[in-house]
Amino acid sequence: MATERSTARPVGRPMLFLLCALCAALLLARPVPAMEAVREALRLCSETIVPSLFPFLVLSSLLTALAPMDTLRRLCAPVMARLFGLDGAGAAVLVLGFTGGYPVGVRTAAALYRAGQLERRDAEHLLAFCNNSGPGFLLGVVGVGVFHSARAGLTLYAVHILSALLTGLLLRPRGKKRAPAAVGRAAAAREHISLSAVFTQAVTGAFAAVLNICAFVLFFMIALRLLSFTGALHLLSAALAALLAPFG
């Protein structure tokens, strides 16, 4: 096993090094398209990503920190257990994942797991179907912006939700549920945290998350723009078009 790892690990490094070297050479050879890609990525971040994600990230953090999880667990436990085999606290992740978009569902599940409100098995199950596109993106950006139809965006959002729920049902864990550990201790610890600290953590954490997302958008926008000059993306798109041609 160790021999396989030692031989397999270096294989990706030369390929990644060659790809980075190619991008660096293209960046030096064609700096103007790279600068245009940066401007386009910054415009995308400022007009779409930040307005659609930052408010939901802040609100999801505040709701996770301030929500009465014991009451929510009791109210939602029958439905969540019957449908998905999950604890009632997973309802918060489900709702925020459907309304907040990427990556609100993941952040909420991780926060509840760290706070002791979710078991590891429940958190892993939630990650499979609670990290979805939000209505603001599908209705506004995709529906109105791309297809020029709010109905098309609403249809895509409905399909998105149904697909996620079906995934949660199909991946429903088997076996007897265990009682969550450390719930009372986590709830008591949350009560001693001041509201100012909760608000500060929510805002700064959401801002850091949005910056990380925008950084990846910038990098991949530049990389794709530079790789387009090599013809690799054209060959890949042609291969995908030939592969998907039988489906119309």
C-alpha atoms as a PDB file:
ATOM      1  CA  MET A   1       0.000   0.000   0.000  1.00  0.00           C
ATOM      2  CA  ALA A   2       2.821   2.353   0.895  1.00  0.00           C
ATOM      3  CA  THR A   3       4.559   1.489  -2.358  1.00  0.00           C
ATOM      4  CA  GLU A   4       1.441   2.362  -4.359  1.00  0.00           C
ATOM      5  CA  ARG A   5       1.152   5.717  -2.610  1.00  0.00           C
ATOM      6  CA  SER A   6       4.806   6.558  -3.138  1.00  0.00           C
ATOM      7  CA  THR A   7       4.562   5.774  -6.850  1.00  0.00           C
ATOM      8  CA  ALA A   8       1.159   7.389  -7.384  1.00  0.00           C
ATOM      9  CA  ARG A   9       1.756  10.614  -5.531  1.00  0.00           C
ATOM     10  CA  PRO A  10       4.493  12.077  -7.781  1.00  0.00           C
ATOM     11  CA  VAL A  11       2.450  11.412 -10.946  1.00  0.00           C
ATOM     12  CA  GLY A  12       0.175  14.423 -10.486  1.00  0.00           C
ATOM     13  CA  ARG A  13       2.962  16.794  -9.456  1.00  0.00           C
ATOM     14  CA  PRO A  14       4.771  16.935 -12.828  1.00  0.00           C
ATOM     15  CA  MET A  15       1.456  17.426 -14.646  1.00  0.00           C
ATOM     16  CA  LEU A  16       0.450  20.213 -12.277  1.00  0.00           C
ATOM     17  CA  PHE A  17       3.901  21.771 -12.598  1.00  0.00           C
ATOM     18  CA  LEU A  18       3.678  21.706 -16.400  1.00  0.00           C
ATOM     19  CA  LEU A  19       0.202  23.218 -16.294  1.00  0.00           C
ATOM     20  CA  CYS A  20       1.346  26.006 -13.978  1.00  0.00           C
ATOM     21  CA  ALA A  21       4.426  26.618 -16.129  1.00  0.00           C
ATOM     22  CA  LEU A  22       2.232  26.825 -19.227  1.00  0.00           C
ATOM     23  CA  CYS A  23      -0.108  29.305 -17.544  1.00  0.00           C
ATOM     24  CA  ALA A  24       2.853  31.384 -16.369  1.00  0.00           C
ATOM     25  CA  ALA A  25       4.307  31.459 -19.882  1.00  0.00           C
ATOM     26  CA  LEU A  26       0.940  32.426 -21.344  1.00  0.00           C
ATOM     27  CA  LEU A  27       0.557  35.100 -18.683  1.00  0.00           C
ATOM     28  CA  LEU A  28       3.858  36.646 -19.745  1.00  0.00           C
ATOM     29  CA  ALA A  29       3.072  36.263 -23.430  1.00  0.00           C
ATOM     30  CA  ARG A  30      -0.503  37.564 -23.283  1.00  0.00           C
ATOM     31  CA  PRO A  31      -0.902  39.901 -20.290  1.00  0.00           C
ATOM     32  CA  VAL A  32      -3.780  41.891 -21.809  1.00  0.00           C
ATOM     33  CA  PRO A  33      -6.286  38.984 -21.978  1.00  0.00           C
ATOM     34  CA  ALA A  34      -5.308  38.050 -18.423  1.00  0.00           C
ATOM     35  CA  MET A  35      -6.075  41.577 -17.250  1.00  0.00           C
ATOM     36  CA  GLU A  36      -9.417  41.456 -19.061  1.00  0.00           C
ATOM     37  CA  ALA A  37     -10.180  38.148 -17.348  1.00  0.00           C
ATOM     38  CA  VAL A  38      -9.430  39.744 -13.969  1.00  0.00           C
ATOM     39  CA  ARG A  39     -11.777  42.664 -14.739  1.00  0.00           C
ATOM     40  CA  GLU A  40     -14.504  40.265 -15.843  1.00  0.00           C
ATOM     41  CA  ALA A  41     -14.067  38.122 -12.742  1.00  0.00           C
ATOM     42  CA  LEU A  42     -14.145  41.169 -10.463  1.00  0.00           C
ATOM     43  CA  ARG A  43     -17.302  42.363 -12.194  1.00  0.00           C
ATOM     44  CA  LEU A  44     -18.864  38.935 -11.689  1.00  0.00           C
ATOM     45  CA  CYS A  45     -17.901  38.949  -8.020  1.00  0.00           C
ATOM     46  CA  SER A  46     -19.136  42.471  -7.346  1.00  0.00           C
ATOM     47  CA  GLU A  47     -22.395  42.201  -9.291  1.00  0.00           C
ATOM     48  CA  THR A  48     -23.432  38.610  -8.594  1.00  0.00           C
ATOM     49  CA  ILE A  49     -21.439  36.656  -6.029  1.00  0.00           C
ATOM     50  CA  VAL A  50     -21.076  39.204  -3.228  1.00  0.00           C
ATOM     51  CA  PRO A  51     -24.688  40.532  -3.340  1.00  0.00           C
ATOM     52  CA  SER A  52     -26.176  37.039  -3.548  1.00  0.00           C
ATOM     53  CA  LEU A  53     -23.975  35.296  -0.968  1.00  0.00           C
ATOM     54  CA  PHE A  54     -22.856  37.762   1.701  1.00  0.00           C
ATOM     55  CA  PRO A  55     -26.295  38.576   3.219  1.00  0.00           C
ATOM     56  CA  PHE A  56     -27.271  34.898   3.345  1.00  0.00           C
ATOM     57  CA  LEU A  57     -23.941  33.910   4.908  1.00  0.00           C
ATOM     58  CA  VAL A  58     -24.352  36.499   7.654  1.00  0.00           C
ATOM     59  CA  LEU A  59     -27.973  35.580   8.334  1.00  0.00           C
ATOM     60  CA  SER A  60     -27.260  31.843   8.336  1.00  0.00           C
ATOM     61  CA  SER A  61     -24.477  32.324  10.877  1.00  0.00           C
ATOM     62  CA  LEU A  62     -26.740  34.440  13.082  1.00  0.00           C
ATOM     63  CA  LEU A  63     -29.610  31.974  12.816  1.00  0.00           C
ATOM     64  CA  THR A  64     -27.310  29.073  13.644  1.00  0.00           C
ATOM     65  CA  ALA A  65     -25.923  30.864  16.686  1.00  0.00           C
ATOM     66  CA  LEU A  66     -29.207  32.269  17.996  1.00  0.00           C
ATOM     67  CA  ALA A  67     -31.806  29.697  16.956  1.00  0.00           C
ATOM     68  CA  PRO A  68     -33.496  27.682  19.743  1.00  0.00           C
ATOM     69  CA  MET A  69     -32.155  24.353  18.550  1.00  0.00           C
ATOM     70  CA  ASP A  70     -33.902  22.329  21.251  1.00  0.00           C
ATOM     71  CA  THR A  71     -37.324  23.634  20.151  1.00  0.00           C
ATOM     72  CA  LEU A  72     -36.478  23.242  16.470  1.00  0.00           C
ATOM     73  CA  ARG A  73     -35.285  19.700  17.098  1.00  0.00           C
ATOM     74  CA  ARG A  74     -38.511  18.716  18.842  1.00  0.00           C
ATOM     75  CA  LEU A  75     -40.732  20.249  16.155  1.00  0.00           C
ATOM     76  CA  CYS A  76     -38.884  18.869  13.134  1.00  0.00           C
ATOM     77  CA  ALA A  77     -37.649  15.559  14.531  1.00  0.00           C
ATOM     78  CA  PRO A  78     -40.617  13.420  13.342  1.00  0.00           C
ATOM     79  CA  VAL A  79     -40.482  14.689   9.761  1.00  0.00           C
ATOM     80  CA  MET A  80     -36.684  14.666   9.440  1.00  0.00           C
ATOM     81  CA  ALA A  81     -36.412  11.205  11.000  1.00  0.00           C
ATOM     82  CA  ARG A  82     -39.174   9.704   8.867  1.00  0.00           C
ATOM     83  CA  LEU A  83     -37.980  11.134   5.546  1.00  0.00           C
ATOM     84  CA  PHE A  84     -34.211  11.357   5.860  1.00  0.00           C
ATOM     85  CA  GLY A  85     -33.297   9.476   9.046  1.00  0.00           C
ATOM     86  CA  LEU A  86     -31.861  12.688  10.503  1.00  0.00           C
ATOM     87  CA  ASP A  87     -32.079  14.581  13.739  1.00  0.00           C
ATOM     88  CA  GLY A  88     -34.500  17.516  13.895  1.00  0.00           C
ATOM     89  CA  ALA A  89     -31.660  20.041  13.994  1.00  0.00           C
ATOM     90  CA  GLY A  90     -30.913  19.152  10.383  1.00  0.00           C
ATOM     91  CA  ALA A  91     -34.044  21.074   9.363  1.00  0.00           C
ATOM     92  CA  ALA A  92     -32.128  24.342   9.756  1.00  0.00           C
ATOM     93  CA  VAL A  93     -29.451  23.094   7.365  1.00  0.00           C
ATOM     94  CA  LEU A  94     -32.119  21.940   4.908  1.00  0.00           C
ATOM     95  CA  VAL A  95     -33.993  25.263   4.847  1.00  0.00           C
ATOM     96  CA  LEU A  96     -30.890  27.464   4.722  1.00  0.00           C
ATOM     97  CA  GLY A  97     -29.321  25.254   2.069  1.00  0.00           C
ATOM     98  CA  PHE A  98     -32.363  25.708  -0.169  1.00  0.00           C
ATOM     99  CA  THR A  99     -32.760  29.450   0.399  1.00  0.00           C
ATOM    100  CA  GLY A 100     -29.177  30.658   0.877  1.00  0.00           C
ATOM    101  CA  GLY A 101     -27.412  28.854  -1.948  1.00  0.00           C
ATOM    102  CA  TYR A 102     -23.768  27.839  -2.043  1.00  0.00           C
ATOM    103  CA  PRO A 103     -22.084  27.448   0.436  1.00  0.00           C
ATOM    104  CA  VAL A 104     -24.651  28.297   3.143  1.00  0.00           C
ATOM    105  CA  GLY A 105     -25.761  24.692   3.618  1.00  0.00           C
ATOM    106  CA  VAL A 106     -22.215  23.446   4.127  1.00  0.00           C
ATOM    107  CA  ARG A 107     -21.344  26.246   6.546  1.00  0.00           C
ATOM    108  CA  THR A 108     -24.492  25.660   8.589  1.00  0.00           C
ATOM    109  CA  ALA A 109     -23.923  21.901   8.802  1.00  0.00           C
ATOM    110  CA  ALA A 110     -20.298  22.438   9.831  1.00  0.00           C
ATOM    111  CA  ALA A 111     -21.289  25.025  12.448  1.00  0.00           C
ATOM    112  CA  LEU A 112     -23.931  22.765  13.987  1.00  0.00           C
ATOM    113  CA  TYR A 113     -21.512  19.839  14.024  1.00  0.00           C
ATOM    114  CA  ARG A 114     -18.810  21.900  15.755  1.00  0.00           C
ATOM    115  CA  ALA A 115     -21.402  23.129  18.267  1.00  0.00           C
ATOM    116  CA  GLY A 116     -22.434  19.568  19.109  1.00  0.00           C
ATOM    117  CA  GLN A 117     -25.915  19.957  17.624  1.00  0.00           C
ATOM    118  CA  LEU A 118     -25.382  17.304  14.931  1.00  0.00           C
ATOM    119  CA  GLU A 119     -23.704  13.926  14.861  1.00  0.00           C
ATOM    120  CA  ARG A 120     -20.941  13.311  12.352  1.00  0.00           C
ATOM    121  CA  ARG A 121     -23.117  10.854  10.408  1.00  0.00           C
ATOM    122  CA  ASP A 122     -25.976  13.371  10.174  1.00  0.00           C
ATOM    123  CA  ALA A 123     -23.647  16.171   9.067  1.00  0.00           C
ATOM    124  CA  GLU A 124     -22.123  13.995   6.342  1.00  0.00           C
ATOM    125  CA  HIS A 125     -25.575  12.990   5.121  1.00  0.00           C
ATOM    126  CA  LEU A 126     -26.735  16.609   5.018  1.00  0.00           C
ATOM    127  CA  LEU A 127     -23.737  17.607   2.905  1.00  0.00           C
ATOM    128  CA  ALA A 128     -25.001  15.285   0.169  1.00  0.00           C
ATOM    129  CA  PHE A 129     -28.209  17.227  -0.504  1.00  0.00           C
ATOM    130  CA  CYS A 130     -28.234  20.521   1.436  1.00  0.00           C
ATOM    131  CA  ASN A 131     -25.606  22.420  -0.560  1.00  0.00           C
ATOM    132  CA  ASN A 132     -27.590  23.845  -3.458  1.00  0.00           C
ATOM    133  CA  SER A 133     -28.030  26.903  -5.646  1.00  0.00           C
ATOM    134  CA  GLY A 134     -30.191  29.573  -4.076  1.00  0.00           C
ATOM    135  CA  PRO A 135     -33.346  31.098  -5.566  1.00  0.00           C
ATOM    136  CA  GLY A 136     -31.607  34.435  -6.117  1.00  0.00           C
ATOM    137  CA  PHE A 137     -29.060  32.854  -8.454  1.00  0.00           C
ATOM    138  CA  LEU A 138     -31.392  30.507 -10.338  1.00  0.00           C
ATOM    139  CA  LEU A 139     -34.255  32.979 -10.722  1.00  0.00           C
ATOM    140  CA  GLY A 140     -32.257  36.185 -11.176  1.00  0.00           C
ATOM    141  CA  VAL A 141     -28.992  35.212 -12.848  1.00  0.00           C
ATOM    142  CA  VAL A 142     -29.937  32.027 -14.729  1.00  0.00           C
ATOM    143  CA  GLY A 143     -33.642  32.582 -15.347  1.00  0.00           C
ATOM    144  CA  VAL A 144     -33.796  36.297 -16.124  1.00  0.00           C
ATOM    145  CA  GLY A 145     -30.168  36.901 -17.073  1.00  0.00           C
ATOM    146  CA  VAL A 146     -29.539  33.846 -19.267  1.00  0.00           C
ATOM    147  CA  PHE A 147     -32.932  32.617 -20.453  1.00  0.00           C
ATOM    148  CA  HIS A 148     -34.773  35.961 -20.097  1.00  0.00           C
ATOM    149  CA  SER A 149     -37.610  34.170 -18.331  1.00  0.00           C
ATOM    150  CA  ALA A 150     -38.457  34.136 -14.640  1.00  0.00           C
ATOM    151  CA  ARG A 151     -40.569  31.024 -15.245  1.00  0.00           C
ATOM    152  CA  ALA A 152     -37.525  29.170 -16.555  1.00  0.00           C
ATOM    153  CA  GLY A 153     -35.594  30.112 -13.413  1.00  0.00           C
ATOM    154  CA  LEU A 154     -38.478  28.982 -11.210  1.00  0.00           C
ATOM    155  CA  THR A 155     -38.643  25.669 -13.065  1.00  0.00           C
ATOM    156  CA  LEU A 156     -34.922  25.132 -12.619  1.00  0.00           C
ATOM    157  CA  TYR A 157     -35.210  25.956  -8.917  1.00  0.00           C
ATOM    158  CA  ALA A 158     -38.081  23.477  -8.471  1.00  0.00           C
ATOM    159  CA  VAL A 159     -36.092  20.763 -10.267  1.00  0.00           C
ATOM    160  CA  HIS A 160     -33.092  21.631  -8.089  1.00  0.00           C
ATOM    161  CA  ILE A 161     -35.072  21.195  -4.874  1.00  0.00           C
ATOM    162  CA  LEU A 162     -36.755  17.975  -5.987  1.00  0.00           C
ATOM    163  CA  SER A 163     -33.416  16.494  -7.059  1.00  0.00           C
ATOM    164  CA  ALA A 164     -31.837  17.361  -3.716  1.00  0.00           C
ATOM    165  CA  LEU A 165     -34.749  15.894  -1.745  1.00  0.00           C
ATOM    166  CA  LEU A 166     -34.641  12.728  -3.835  1.00  0.00           C
ATOM    167  CA  THR A 167     -30.910  12.458  -3.161  1.00  0.00           C
ATOM    168  CA  GLY A 168     -31.558  12.787   0.574  1.00  0.00           C
ATOM    169  CA  LEU A 169     -34.201  10.058   0.422  1.00  0.00           C
ATOM    170  CA  LEU A 170     -32.028   7.674  -1.587  1.00  0.00           C
ATOM    171  CA  LEU A 171     -29.023   8.183   0.696  1.00  0.00           C
ATOM    172  CA  ARG A 172     -31.085   7.807   3.871  1.00  0.00           C
ATOM    173  CA  PRO A 173     -28.815   6.155   6.470  1.00  0.00           C
ATOM    174  CA  ARG A 174     -29.829   2.765   7.753  1.00  0.00           C
ATOM    175  CA  GLY A 175     -29.760   1.593  11.327  1.00  0.00           C
ATOM    176  CA  LYS A 176     -31.003   2.888  14.633  1.00  0.00           C
ATOM    177  CA  LYS A 177     -30.428   6.546  15.384  1.00  0.00           C
ATOM    178  CA  ARG A 178     -28.299   7.540  18.334  1.00  0.00           C
ATOM    179  CA  ALA A 179     -29.046  10.466  20.600  1.00  0.00           C
ATOM    180  CA  PRO A 180     -26.876  13.508  19.805  1.00  0.00           C
ATOM    181  CA  ALA A 181     -24.056  14.056  22.231  1.00  0.00           C
ATOM    182  CA  ALA A 182     -23.156  17.259  24.039  1.00  0.00           C
ATOM    183  CA  VAL A 183     -26.329  19.082  23.005  1.00  0.00           C
ATOM    184  CA  GLY A 184     -27.067  20.440  26.439  1.00  0.00           C
ATOM    185  CA  ARG A 185     -23.476  21.504  26.975  1.00  0.00           C
ATOM    186  CA  ALA A 186     -23.349  23.248  23.598  1.00  0.00           C
ATOM    187  CA  ALA A 187     -26.649  25.032  24.218  1.00  0.00           C
ATOM    188  CA  ALA A 188     -25.484  26.217  27.629  1.00  0.00           C
ATOM    189  CA  ALA A 189     -22.214  27.458  26.143  1.00  0.00           C
ATOM    190  CA  ARG A 190     -24.073  29.417  23.440  1.00  0.00           C
ATOM    191  CA  GLU A 191     -26.152  31.243  26.036  1.00  0.00           C
ATOM    192  CA  HIS A 192     -23.007  32.773  27.578  1.00  0.00           C
ATOM    193  CA  ILE A 193     -21.794  34.231  24.270  1.00  0.00           C
ATOM    194  CA  SER A 194     -22.614  37.926  23.952  1.00  0.00           C
ATOM    195  CA  LEU A 195     -24.730  39.172  21.065  1.00  0.00           C
ATOM    196  CA  SER A 196     -21.962  41.529  19.953  1.00  0.00           C
ATOM    197  CA  ALA A 197     -19.520  38.636  19.689  1.00  0.00           C
ATOM    198  CA  VAL A 198     -22.036  36.550  17.742  1.00  0.00           C
ATOM    199  CA  PHE A 199     -22.731  39.412  15.320  1.00  0.00           C
ATOM    200  CA  THR A 200     -19.028  40.173  14.845  1.00  0.00           C
ATOM    201  CA  GLN A 201     -18.195  36.540  14.159  1.00  0.00           C
ATOM    202  CA  ALA A 202     -21.076  36.240  11.696  1.00  0.00           C
ATOM    203  CA  VAL A 203     -20.059  39.317   9.685  1.00  0.00           C
ATOM    204  CA  THR A 204     -16.311  38.656   9.649  1.00  0.00           C
ATOM    205  CA  GLY A 205     -16.783  34.955   8.912  1.00  0.00           C
ATOM    206  CA  ALA A 206     -19.148  35.684   6.027  1.00  0.00           C
ATOM    207  CA  PHE A 207     -16.770  38.277   4.602  1.00  0.00           C
ATOM    208  CA  ALA A 208     -13.840  35.851   4.772  1.00  0.00           C
ATOM    209  CA  ALA A 209     -15.902  33.139   3.067  1.00  0.00           C
ATOM    210  CA  VAL A 210     -16.944  35.491   0.257  1.00  0.00           C
ATOM    211  CA  LEU A 211     -13.320  36.574  -0.239  1.00  0.00           C
ATOM    212  CA  ASN A 212     -12.236  32.933  -0.532  1.00  0.00           C
ATOM    213  CA  ILE A 213     -14.920  32.248  -3.131  1.00  0.00           C
ATOM    214  CA  CYS A 214     -13.996  35.345  -5.130  1.00  0.00           C
ATOM    215  CA  ALA A 215     -10.321  34.364  -5.018  1.00  0.00           C
ATOM    216  CA  PHE A 216     -11.103  31.007  -6.628  1.00  0.00           C
ATOM    217  CA  VAL A 217     -13.299  32.717  -9.225  1.00  0.00           C
ATOM    218  CA  LEU A 218     -10.437  35.055 -10.112  1.00  0.00           C
ATOM    219  CA  PHE A 219      -7.910  32.248 -10.419  1.00  0.00           C
ATOM    220  CA  PHE A 220     -10.009  29.943 -12.573  1.00  0.00           C
ATOM    221  CA  MET A 221     -11.222  32.798 -14.770  1.00  0.00           C
ATOM    222  CA  ILE A 222      -7.599  33.712 -15.543  1.00  0.00           C
ATOM    223  CA  ALA A 223      -6.561  30.072 -16.026  1.00  0.00           C
ATOM    224  CA  LEU A 224      -9.442  29.321 -18.390  1.00  0.00           C
ATOM    225  CA  ARG A 225      -8.835  32.484 -20.393  1.00  0.00           C
ATOM    226  CA  LEU A 226      -5.155  31.641 -20.803  1.00  0.00           C
ATOM    227  CA  LEU A 227      -5.781  27.976 -21.621  1.00  0.00           C
ATOM    228  CA  SER A 228      -8.247  29.004 -24.309  1.00  0.00           C
ATOM    229  CA  PHE A 229      -5.298  30.272 -26.370  1.00  0.00           C
ATOM    230  CA  THR A 230      -3.776  26.768 -26.441  1.00  0.00           C
ATOM    231  CA  GLY A 231      -6.785  25.202 -28.140  1.00  0.00           C
ATOM    232  CA  ALA A 232      -7.263  22.682 -25.322  1.00  0.00           C
ATOM    233  CA  LEU A 233     -10.640  24.086 -24.321  1.00  0.00           C
ATOM    234  CA  HIS A 234     -11.801  24.038 -27.942  1.00  0.00           C
ATOM    235  CA  LEU A 235     -10.882  20.368 -28.282  1.00  0.00           C
ATOM    236  CA  LEU A 236     -12.604  19.577 -24.995  1.00  0.00           C
ATOM    237  CA  SER A 237     -15.789  21.391 -26.000  1.00  0.00           C
ATOM    238  CA  ALA A 238     -15.798  19.613 -29.359  1.00  0.00           C
ATOM    239  CA  ALA A 239     -15.439  16.253 -27.634  1.00  0.00           C
ATOM    240  CA  LEU A 240     -18.270  17.054 -25.228  1.00  0.00           C
ATOM    241  CA  ALA A 241     -20.460  18.275 -28.093  1.00  0.00           C
ATOM    242  CA  ALA A 242     -19.906  15.011 -29.960  1.00  0.00           C
ATOM    243  CA  LEU A 243     -20.616  13.030 -26.817  1.00  0.00           C
ATOM    244  CA  LEU A 244     -23.857  14.902 -26.038  1.00  0.00           C
ATOM    245  CA  ALA A 245     -25.058  15.155 -29.641  1.00  0.00           C
ATOM    246  CA  PRO A 246     -27.316  12.045 -29.378  1.00  0.00           C
ATOM    247  CA  PHE A 247     -29.217  13.792 -26.563  1.00  0.00           C
ATOM    248  CA  GLY A 248     -29.965  16.852 -28.682  1.00  0.00           C
END
